[in-house]
């Protein structure tokens, strides 16, 4: 059974315009900075069908279309439920909406061509560059994400890369340089979003009885944010 954690309307961070965002339950990574530990497990979601979600979406379709937005499948990690994700994206396209897939790329091999055919934009989280640092930060392997990014480039699928800036983890100039160079090499990256780390999700960890690994990590200061954004700009990709 498909598992939906929640849905929301958002502007600016989940693709262009105002978006109807479906958050699917379940994620294979355990990022130290994760703000949504309540989406980690499939059991964290409610059983649902694609038709139920699409019926809800249909009620907002005119609004998000007029607002220059569309529909985004996020998580958790939506590619943990690839059939559900494909059905949602295909259904949203049938409603005439712009579609986006928000993913870490860790399960990119599960994205079928049919799923990607229904995807107008991929929001790809590249969480670190050095493989060891990536593993320490996420518990996963960066190779599948890079492979997925190359596949998207071969298809010509537009990509926004998202990079979470975490002091002591992803603020090292060599990390930024690696991601920037890779982004520039692909040819389909429309922009890079630098997302400063914050601790707004700490209360969720407390409620779930889970220690927040970065409880004592401060958000990056403005000078660091500017330096990282400037590093990304040097490769000629728009930065937000």
Protein backbone atom coordinates (compact mmCIF):
# COMPACT_ATOMS: atom_id res chain seq x y z
CA UNK A 1 0.00 0.00 0.00
CA UNK A 2 1.22 3.50 -0.83
CA UNK A 3 2.13 5.67 2.13
CA UNK A 4 1.59 9.45 2.15
CA UNK A 5 3.03 11.35 5.08
CA UNK A 6 1.32 14.69 4.38
CA UNK A 7 0.68 17.37 1.78
CA UNK A 8 1.03 21.13 1.77
CA UNK A 9 1.02 24.23 -0.41
CA UNK A 10 4.37 26.00 -0.64
CA UNK A 11 6.05 28.78 -2.57
CA UNK A 12 9.66 29.11 -3.64
CA UNK A 13 11.46 26.04 -2.28
CA UNK A 14 9.75 23.09 -3.98
CA UNK A 15 9.92 24.25 -7.57
CA UNK A 16 8.69 27.30 -9.48
CA UNK A 17 5.60 29.15 -8.30
CA UNK A 18 3.09 27.91 -5.79
CA UNK A 19 3.23 24.13 -5.46
CA UNK A 20 0.99 21.38 -4.18
CA UNK A 21 3.56 19.17 -2.48
CA UNK A 22 2.92 15.52 -1.62
CA UNK A 23 5.34 14.25 1.05
CA UNK A 24 5.75 10.49 0.80
CA UNK A 25 6.82 8.42 3.79
CA UNK A 26 10.08 6.50 4.05
CA UNK A 27 13.73 7.37 3.42
CA UNK A 28 16.89 5.21 3.18
CA UNK A 29 19.23 7.99 4.33
CA UNK A 30 19.76 9.35 7.84
CA UNK A 31 21.17 12.80 7.22
CA UNK A 32 22.59 14.37 10.36
CA UNK A 33 20.77 17.62 9.61
CA UNK A 34 17.42 16.05 8.64
CA UNK A 35 14.55 18.27 9.77
CA UNK A 36 11.85 15.63 9.24
CA UNK A 37 12.64 12.47 11.22
CA UNK A 38 8.90 11.84 11.25
CA UNK A 39 9.16 10.82 7.56
CA UNK A 40 11.91 8.19 7.92
CA UNK A 41 9.74 5.08 8.04
CA UNK A 42 6.98 3.83 5.76
CA UNK A 43 4.88 3.34 8.88
CA UNK A 44 5.03 7.10 9.39
CA UNK A 45 2.60 7.55 6.50
CA UNK A 46 -1.08 6.96 5.97
CA UNK A 47 -2.20 4.28 3.52
CA UNK A 48 -3.63 5.97 0.43
CA UNK A 49 -4.05 5.62 -3.31
CA UNK A 50 -2.80 7.78 -6.14
CA UNK A 51 -6.40 8.58 -7.07
CA UNK A 52 -7.08 9.92 -3.57
CA UNK A 53 -4.10 12.27 -3.76
CA UNK A 54 -4.90 13.33 -7.31
CA UNK A 55 -8.50 14.08 -6.38
CA UNK A 56 -7.21 16.38 -3.65
CA UNK A 57 -4.75 17.93 -6.12
CA UNK A 58 -7.52 18.53 -8.66
CA UNK A 59 -9.22 20.86 -6.20
CA UNK A 60 -6.15 23.11 -6.22
CA UNK A 61 -5.15 22.66 -9.87
CA UNK A 62 -6.55 25.95 -11.17
CA UNK A 63 -5.07 27.87 -8.27
CA UNK A 64 -1.53 26.52 -8.62
CA UNK A 65 -1.67 26.82 -12.42
CA UNK A 66 -2.66 30.49 -12.24
CA UNK A 67 0.08 31.03 -9.63
CA UNK A 68 2.67 29.71 -12.08
CA UNK A 69 3.25 26.62 -10.01
CA UNK A 70 2.48 22.95 -10.16
CA UNK A 71 2.86 19.66 -8.33
CA UNK A 72 5.92 18.31 -6.48
CA UNK A 73 6.49 14.84 -5.08
CA UNK A 74 8.81 15.00 -2.07
CA UNK A 75 9.50 13.01 1.05
CA UNK A 76 11.02 11.31 2.82
CA UNK A 77 12.40 9.88 -0.40
CA UNK A 78 9.75 9.48 -3.11
CA UNK A 79 11.79 6.95 -5.09
CA UNK A 80 11.34 4.52 -2.20
CA UNK A 81 7.82 4.26 -3.66
CA UNK A 82 8.56 4.53 -7.39
CA UNK A 83 5.22 3.22 -8.71
CA UNK A 84 3.26 5.57 -6.45
CA UNK A 85 5.52 8.45 -7.48
CA UNK A 86 5.09 7.65 -11.17
CA UNK A 87 1.31 7.46 -10.84
CA UNK A 88 1.20 10.81 -9.03
CA UNK A 89 3.41 12.58 -11.57
CA UNK A 90 1.55 11.08 -14.51
CA UNK A 91 -1.77 12.09 -13.01
CA UNK A 92 -0.57 15.63 -12.35
CA UNK A 93 0.58 15.93 -15.98
CA UNK A 94 -2.88 14.80 -17.07
CA UNK A 95 -4.26 17.75 -15.08
CA UNK A 96 -2.02 20.06 -17.11
CA UNK A 97 0.34 20.83 -14.24
CA UNK A 98 4.09 21.37 -14.17
CA UNK A 99 5.66 18.49 -12.24
CA UNK A 100 8.74 18.21 -10.05
CA UNK A 101 10.49 15.36 -8.26
CA UNK A 102 12.40 16.19 -5.06
CA UNK A 103 14.97 13.46 -4.43
CA UNK A 104 18.39 12.68 -3.02
CA UNK A 105 19.05 10.52 -6.07
CA UNK A 106 20.15 7.69 -3.77
CA UNK A 107 17.48 5.48 -5.34
CA UNK A 108 17.72 7.01 -8.79
CA UNK A 109 18.00 3.60 -10.42
CA UNK A 110 14.38 3.00 -9.39
CA UNK A 111 13.16 5.91 -11.50
CA UNK A 112 11.82 4.37 -14.67
CA UNK A 113 11.82 6.20 -17.99
CA UNK A 114 8.03 6.45 -17.67
CA UNK A 115 8.41 8.20 -14.30
CA UNK A 116 10.97 10.63 -15.70
CA UNK A 117 8.86 11.22 -18.82
CA UNK A 118 6.21 12.63 -16.47
CA UNK A 119 8.75 14.83 -14.64
CA UNK A 120 9.37 18.39 -15.82
CA UNK A 121 11.98 19.23 -13.18
CA UNK A 122 14.16 17.31 -10.72
CA UNK A 123 15.16 18.95 -7.44
CA UNK A 124 18.35 16.99 -6.75
CA UNK A 125 19.93 17.11 -3.31
CA UNK A 126 23.70 16.70 -3.53
CA UNK A 127 24.54 16.60 0.14
CA UNK A 128 28.36 16.48 -0.02
CA UNK A 129 31.10 15.77 -2.53
CA UNK A 130 33.76 13.66 -0.83
CA UNK A 131 32.44 10.06 -0.58
CA UNK A 132 33.62 9.62 3.02
CA UNK A 133 32.10 12.90 4.10
CA UNK A 134 28.89 12.00 2.29
CA UNK A 135 28.73 8.69 4.15
CA UNK A 136 29.38 10.35 7.52
CA UNK A 137 26.72 12.94 6.80
CA UNK A 138 24.00 10.69 5.38
CA UNK A 139 24.88 7.06 6.05
CA UNK A 140 24.71 6.47 2.29
CA UNK A 141 26.80 6.38 -0.86
CA UNK A 142 27.14 9.35 -3.21
CA UNK A 143 27.75 7.25 -6.33
CA UNK A 144 24.06 6.52 -7.10
CA UNK A 145 23.24 10.23 -6.89
CA UNK A 146 25.99 11.16 -9.33
CA UNK A 147 24.94 8.38 -11.69
CA UNK A 148 21.34 9.59 -11.57
CA UNK A 149 22.46 13.16 -12.25
CA UNK A 150 24.36 12.03 -15.34
CA UNK A 151 21.31 10.10 -16.54
CA UNK A 152 19.17 13.21 -16.17
CA UNK A 153 21.75 15.18 -18.14
CA UNK A 154 21.66 12.62 -20.95
CA UNK A 155 17.87 12.92 -21.03
CA UNK A 156 17.99 16.72 -20.95
CA UNK A 157 15.79 16.83 -17.86
CA UNK A 158 16.04 20.24 -16.13
CA UNK A 159 17.62 20.05 -12.67
CA UNK A 160 17.85 22.37 -9.69
CA UNK A 161 20.64 21.24 -7.39
CA UNK A 162 20.04 21.78 -3.69
CA UNK A 163 22.98 22.03 -1.31
CA UNK A 164 22.45 22.24 2.44
CA UNK A 165 25.17 24.39 4.02
CA UNK A 166 26.12 22.86 7.38
CA UNK A 167 29.00 24.39 9.37
CA UNK A 168 31.74 21.84 9.98
CA UNK A 169 30.32 19.47 7.36
CA UNK A 170 29.58 21.04 3.98
CA UNK A 171 31.14 24.49 4.30
CA UNK A 172 34.63 23.30 3.34
CA UNK A 173 35.67 25.10 0.12
CA UNK A 174 36.75 21.80 -1.45
CA UNK A 175 33.26 20.34 -0.96
CA UNK A 176 31.64 23.34 -2.63
CA UNK A 177 34.20 23.29 -5.43
CA UNK A 178 33.51 19.62 -6.13
CA UNK A 179 29.73 20.03 -6.33
CA UNK A 180 30.05 23.24 -8.35
CA UNK A 181 32.34 21.66 -10.93
CA UNK A 182 30.08 18.64 -11.27
CA UNK A 183 27.00 20.82 -11.69
CA UNK A 184 28.68 22.86 -14.39
CA UNK A 185 29.71 19.71 -16.27
CA UNK A 186 26.16 18.41 -16.66
CA UNK A 187 24.68 21.05 -18.93
CA UNK A 188 21.10 20.73 -17.63
CA UNK A 189 21.42 22.43 -14.22
CA UNK A 190 19.25 25.55 -14.24
CA UNK A 191 20.17 26.76 -10.76
CA UNK A 192 21.77 25.84 -7.46
CA UNK A 193 19.93 26.49 -4.22
CA UNK A 194 22.16 27.01 -1.18
CA UNK A 195 20.03 26.12 1.84
CA UNK A 196 21.51 27.25 5.18
CA UNK A 197 21.25 24.67 7.95
CA UNK A 198 18.79 25.42 10.75
CA UNK A 199 17.51 23.68 13.86
CA UNK A 200 13.79 24.22 13.38
CA UNK A 201 13.16 20.48 13.35
CA UNK A 202 14.74 19.87 16.76
CA UNK A 203 11.35 19.72 18.46
CA UNK A 204 10.38 16.76 16.27
CA UNK A 205 13.39 14.81 17.51
CA UNK A 206 12.47 15.60 21.09
CA UNK A 207 8.88 14.53 20.53
CA UNK A 208 10.04 11.25 18.97
CA UNK A 209 12.63 10.62 21.68
CA UNK A 210 15.50 10.70 19.15
CA UNK A 211 18.72 12.65 19.80
CA UNK A 212 19.26 15.43 17.26
CA UNK A 213 22.88 14.93 16.08
CA UNK A 214 23.44 18.60 15.28
CA UNK A 215 21.72 20.07 18.30
CA UNK A 216 24.84 22.10 19.14
CA UNK A 217 25.63 23.18 15.57
CA UNK A 218 24.90 26.82 14.85
CA UNK A 219 23.46 27.96 11.52
CA UNK A 220 26.05 29.33 9.08
CA UNK A 221 26.85 33.02 9.41
CA UNK A 222 26.06 35.45 6.55
CA UNK A 223 29.71 35.69 5.49
CA UNK A 224 29.94 31.91 5.02
CA UNK A 225 26.67 31.82 3.09
CA UNK A 226 27.90 34.59 0.78
CA UNK A 227 31.26 32.86 0.25
CA UNK A 228 29.63 29.55 -0.66
CA UNK A 229 27.16 31.19 -3.03
CA UNK A 230 30.03 33.09 -4.67
CA UNK A 231 31.92 29.81 -5.12
CA UNK A 232 28.97 28.31 -6.93
CA UNK A 233 28.54 31.42 -9.08
CA UNK A 234 32.06 31.06 -10.44
CA UNK A 235 30.98 28.08 -12.57
CA UNK A 236 28.32 30.13 -14.33
CA UNK A 237 25.19 28.53 -12.86
CA UNK A 238 22.54 30.82 -11.29
CA UNK A 239 22.55 30.59 -7.49
CA UNK A 240 19.69 31.20 -5.06
